[in-house]
Protein backbone atom coordinates (compact mmCIF):
# COMPACT_ATOMS: atom_id res chain seq x y z
CA MET A 1 112.33 67.81 84.42
CA PRO A 2 110.67 70.88 82.74
CA SER A 3 112.98 73.06 80.74
CA GLY A 4 114.20 76.22 82.42
CA LEU A 5 114.18 74.77 85.95
CA ILE A 6 117.42 74.45 87.89
CA PRO A 7 117.99 70.98 89.39
CA PHE A 8 117.73 71.05 93.17
CA PRO A 9 121.07 70.24 94.92
CA PHE A 10 119.97 67.44 97.21
CA HIS A 11 123.59 66.58 98.10
CA LEU A 12 123.91 69.90 99.93
CA PHE A 13 121.13 68.88 102.31
CA SER A 14 122.29 65.30 102.97
CA PHE A 15 123.01 64.51 106.58
CA HIS A 16 124.57 61.11 105.97
CA HIS A 17 127.05 59.83 108.55
CA PRO A 18 128.43 56.29 108.87
CA SER A 19 127.26 55.98 112.45
CA LEU A 20 123.71 57.03 111.59
CA SER A 21 123.10 54.14 109.22
CA ARG A 22 123.48 51.67 112.06
CA ASN A 23 120.60 53.18 114.07
CA PRO A 24 117.05 52.52 112.75
CA SER A 25 115.74 55.73 114.33
CA HIS A 26 118.33 57.81 112.42
CA THR A 27 117.38 55.99 109.23
CA ASP A 28 113.72 56.94 109.74
CA LEU A 29 114.78 60.53 110.36
CA ARG A 30 116.68 60.62 107.09
CA GLY A 31 113.61 59.25 105.30
CA GLU A 32 111.41 61.98 106.74
CA GLN A 33 113.94 64.63 105.76
CA ARG A 34 114.03 63.24 102.24
CA GLU A 35 110.22 63.36 101.98
CA ILE A 36 110.21 66.97 103.20
CA MET A 37 112.82 67.97 100.64
CA LEU A 38 110.85 66.27 97.86
CA SER A 39 107.71 68.13 98.93
CA VAL A 40 109.58 71.44 98.90
CA LEU A 41 110.94 70.65 95.45
CA ALA A 42 107.48 69.82 94.13
CA LEU A 43 106.02 73.05 95.53
CA THR A 44 108.88 75.07 94.07
CA SER A 45 108.36 73.48 90.68
CA VAL A 46 104.64 74.32 90.74
CA VAL A 47 105.33 77.97 91.64
CA LEU A 48 107.99 78.33 88.94
CA LEU A 49 105.73 76.75 86.33
CA GLY A 50 102.91 79.11 87.36
CA ILE A 51 105.18 82.15 87.01
CA ALA A 52 106.46 80.89 83.67
CA SER A 53 102.89 80.53 82.41
CA GLN A 54 101.99 84.04 83.61
CA THR A 55 104.87 85.69 81.81
CA THR A 56 103.44 84.62 78.46
CA ALA A 57 100.00 86.16 79.04
CA ILE A 58 98.66 89.68 78.52
CA VAL A 59 95.47 91.18 79.95
CA VAL A 60 93.65 93.95 78.05
CA TYR A 61 91.35 96.42 79.83
CA THR A 62 88.54 98.66 78.56
CA SER A 63 85.38 100.11 80.03
CA TRP A 64 82.20 98.06 79.88
CA GLU A 65 80.07 100.90 78.54
CA ARG A 66 80.49 104.46 77.33
CA HIS A 67 77.68 107.00 77.03
CA ALA A 68 77.83 110.07 74.80
CA LEU A 69 75.52 112.76 73.49
CA VAL A 70 74.97 113.38 69.81
CA GLY A 71 77.58 115.70 68.36
CA THR A 72 80.08 115.30 71.20
CA ASP A 73 83.45 113.59 71.36
CA VAL A 74 84.01 110.38 73.33
CA ARG A 75 87.26 108.71 74.38
CA LEU A 76 87.49 104.93 74.25
CA SER A 77 90.25 103.88 76.64
CA CYS A 78 92.36 100.75 76.23
CA SER A 79 95.31 99.57 78.31
CA PHE A 80 96.97 96.26 79.15
CA PHE A 81 98.88 94.45 81.89
CA SER A 82 101.98 92.44 81.05
CA TRP A 83 104.74 90.81 83.06
CA GLN A 84 107.25 91.99 80.46
CA TRP A 85 108.69 95.47 79.98
CA THR A 86 106.87 97.55 77.40
CA SER A 87 108.23 96.38 74.08
CA PRO A 88 109.07 98.76 71.21
CA ASP A 89 107.05 96.32 69.08
CA VAL A 90 103.86 96.85 71.08
CA THR A 91 100.69 96.86 68.95
CA PHE A 92 97.08 98.01 69.39
CA SER A 93 94.13 97.07 67.22
CA TRP A 94 90.55 98.38 67.31
CA HIS A 95 87.54 96.73 65.66
CA TYR A 96 83.97 97.98 65.43
CA ARG A 97 80.73 96.02 65.11
CA PRO A 98 77.59 98.18 64.64
CA ASP A 99 74.40 97.21 66.42
CA GLY A 100 72.62 94.57 64.39
CA ALA A 101 75.70 93.59 62.38
CA LYS A 102 77.26 90.12 62.58
CA GLU A 103 80.83 90.94 61.66
CA ALA A 104 83.27 93.56 62.92
CA ILE A 105 85.45 95.80 60.79
CA SER A 106 88.96 97.08 61.50
CA ILE A 107 89.07 100.82 62.22
CA PHE A 108 92.49 101.36 63.79
CA HIS A 109 95.90 99.71 64.11
CA TYR A 110 99.11 100.81 65.83
CA ALA A 111 102.38 99.07 65.00
CA GLY A 112 106.03 100.03 64.66
CA GLY A 113 105.43 103.36 66.38
CA ILE A 114 102.95 104.50 63.69
CA PRO A 115 99.14 104.78 64.07
CA TYR A 116 97.08 103.64 61.09
CA VAL A 117 93.57 105.13 61.04
CA ASP A 118 90.94 103.76 58.68
CA THR A 119 90.25 106.33 55.95
CA LYS A 120 87.30 104.55 54.34
CA GLY A 121 85.15 103.29 57.21
CA PRO A 122 82.41 105.02 59.19
CA PHE A 123 84.92 106.93 61.33
CA ARG A 124 87.05 108.43 58.61
CA ASP A 125 88.10 111.97 59.50
CA ARG A 126 86.39 111.48 62.88
CA MET A 127 88.97 109.41 64.73
CA GLU A 128 92.17 110.38 66.54
CA PHE A 129 94.76 108.31 68.35
CA VAL A 130 95.20 109.80 71.84
CA GLY A 131 97.03 106.96 73.56
CA ASN A 132 100.60 106.61 74.77
CA PRO A 133 102.02 103.19 73.85
CA SER A 134 105.08 103.65 76.09
CA ARG A 135 102.65 103.83 79.01
CA ARG A 136 100.58 100.91 77.68
CA ASP A 137 97.75 103.19 76.56
CA GLY A 138 96.06 102.61 73.21
CA SER A 139 93.05 104.92 73.55
CA ILE A 140 91.24 106.48 70.61
CA LEU A 141 88.96 109.51 70.35
CA LEU A 142 85.73 109.48 68.32
CA LYS A 143 84.56 112.90 67.22
CA ASN A 144 81.05 114.19 66.53
CA VAL A 145 79.35 110.87 67.33
CA ASP A 146 75.89 110.06 65.99
CA PHE A 147 73.21 107.41 66.57
CA ALA A 148 74.73 105.32 63.79
CA ASP A 149 77.89 104.92 65.89
CA ASN A 150 76.15 102.76 68.48
CA GLY A 151 77.85 99.39 68.67
CA THR A 152 80.63 97.29 70.20
CA PHE A 153 84.27 98.34 70.02
CA THR A 154 86.99 95.73 70.57
CA CYS A 155 90.56 96.51 71.58
CA ASP A 156 93.42 94.02 71.33
CA ALA A 157 97.02 94.58 72.41
CA LYS A 158 100.27 92.65 72.01
CA ASN A 159 103.50 93.18 73.94
CA PRO A 160 106.03 90.71 72.51
CA PRO A 161 106.90 88.19 73.79
CA ASP A 162 103.54 88.47 75.64
CA ILE A 163 101.11 87.85 72.81
CA ALA A 164 98.65 85.36 74.32
CA GLY A 165 95.54 87.05 75.67
CA SER A 166 91.94 87.97 74.99
CA PRO A 167 90.74 91.31 73.60
CA SER A 168 88.42 93.54 75.59
CA HIS A 169 85.04 94.97 74.51
CA VAL A 170 83.24 98.24 75.23
CA ARG A 171 79.68 99.19 74.24
CA LEU A 172 79.00 102.72 72.99
CA PHE A 173 75.55 104.25 73.55
CA VAL A 174 74.79 107.57 71.86
CA PHE A 175 71.83 109.59 73.16
CA GLU A 176 70.13 112.78 72.10
CA LYS A 177 70.03 113.89 75.74
CA VAL A 178 70.94 112.44 79.09
CA PRO A 179 68.82 109.31 79.66
CA VAL A 180 66.10 109.66 82.27
CA GLN A 181 67.24 106.52 84.03
CA ALA A 182 70.81 107.73 84.22
CA GLY A 183 69.64 111.13 85.45
CA VAL A 184 67.40 109.57 88.10
CA ILE A 185 70.19 107.30 89.33
CA THR A 186 72.65 110.19 89.45
CA GLY A 187 70.17 112.39 91.29
CA ALA A 188 69.37 109.60 93.74
CA ILE A 189 73.05 109.06 94.50
CA ILE A 190 73.60 112.78 95.04
CA GLY A 191 70.50 112.96 97.23
CA VAL A 192 71.62 110.02 99.38
CA VAL A 193 75.08 111.51 99.84
CA LEU A 194 73.67 114.92 100.80
CA GLY A 195 71.17 113.27 103.14
CA LEU A 196 73.93 111.36 104.90
CA LEU A 197 76.00 114.52 105.28
CA ILE A 198 73.03 116.42 106.75
CA LEU A 199 72.28 113.53 109.10
CA ILE A 200 75.89 113.38 110.30
CA VAL A 201 75.97 117.15 110.92
CA ALA A 202 72.63 117.00 112.78
CA ILE A 203 73.83 114.12 114.97
CA TYR A 204 77.06 116.00 115.71
CA TYR A 205 75.29 119.15 116.89
CA LEU A 206 72.69 117.14 118.81
CA MET A 207 75.45 115.33 120.70
CA ARG A 208 77.15 118.64 121.48
CA PHE A 209 73.84 120.05 122.78
CA LEU A 210 73.18 117.01 124.98
CA VAL A 211 76.71 117.06 126.39
CA ALA A 212 76.49 120.79 127.14
CA ARG A 213 73.10 120.31 128.79
CA ARG A 214 74.42 117.49 130.93
CA VAL A 215 77.44 119.52 132.00
CA PHE A 216 75.20 122.46 132.88
CA SER A 217 72.89 120.25 134.95
CA LEU A 218 75.78 118.75 136.87
CA SER A 219 77.24 122.20 137.50
CA MET A 220 73.92 123.53 138.79
CA SER A 221 73.38 120.54 141.07
CA LYS A 222 76.84 120.94 142.58
CA HIS A 223 76.30 124.66 143.27
CA GLY A 224 72.91 123.91 144.81
CA ARG A 225 74.35 121.36 147.18
CA LYS A 226 77.12 123.74 148.23
CA GLY A 227 74.60 126.50 148.95
CA LYS A 228 72.43 124.27 151.10
CA GLY A 229 75.47 123.06 153.00
CA LYS A 230 76.54 126.61 153.85
CA GLU A 231 73.08 127.58 155.06
CA GLY A 232 72.89 124.53 157.29
CA SER A 233 76.30 125.20 158.78
CA GLN A 234 75.36 128.82 159.45
CA GLN A 235 72.22 127.75 161.24
CA LYS A 236 74.16 125.31 163.34
CA GLN A 237 76.80 127.89 164.27
CA LYS A 238 74.26 130.67 165.25
CA PRO A 239 74.95 131.60 168.91
CA LYS A 240 72.17 131.32 171.45
CA VAL A 241 71.38 134.51 173.45
CA PRO A 242 70.81 133.70 177.17
CA LEU A 243 67.60 135.00 178.74
CA VAL A 244 68.14 137.24 181.78
CA PHE A 245 65.30 137.76 184.24
CA ILE A 246 65.44 140.86 186.44
CA SER A 247 63.32 140.92 189.59
CA PHE A 248 62.36 144.07 191.51
């Protein structure tokens, strides 16, 4: 039996009775009950083992890509999910691999409640820790970015006893101005949204116009029928004047 699992009390679910053992049908029933209880125990063991395996894992999250203009500041976000409460020994580590380089260098580390920023690397005097470890946030801020800052940033987090997990990566792209492709896509999205809004408003007012026109037509047809009915009744009710012939 795996460690940490409580043995299942089969004796509490035993329906043994001296008179039942003499009847083959009752014996078969006890066998089926025993198989059901074993199946339940196996399923429970699988679920408990799955939960136990999850409590030792940690999942780190970052963006896939970040775009920035030359001379601006960019925030690189990093957070994690853990089944454990946030530990006071939580740690965050950031590594940076420039475009074209094979190896990454360490640029930031947070441990013991103290942030350690690299003072010799490419981001010296241009990096700030803006995260909140108690809220599982290990974000950093890069200031005055340049083309040379293009590359891959890797964030890794540990929340003891959850230490098993994979780091997350984010690509940084620095541009002199907003890329044409990004501008075209943004403009297209805005145009589609505005077009849909205009179409919805036009359909709404068109439906109102058609409904009002239909109501007006029905109203006019009803008044017309009433008028014709009155004229006909008046003609029918008109008294006839008798002709009187006078002879001399």
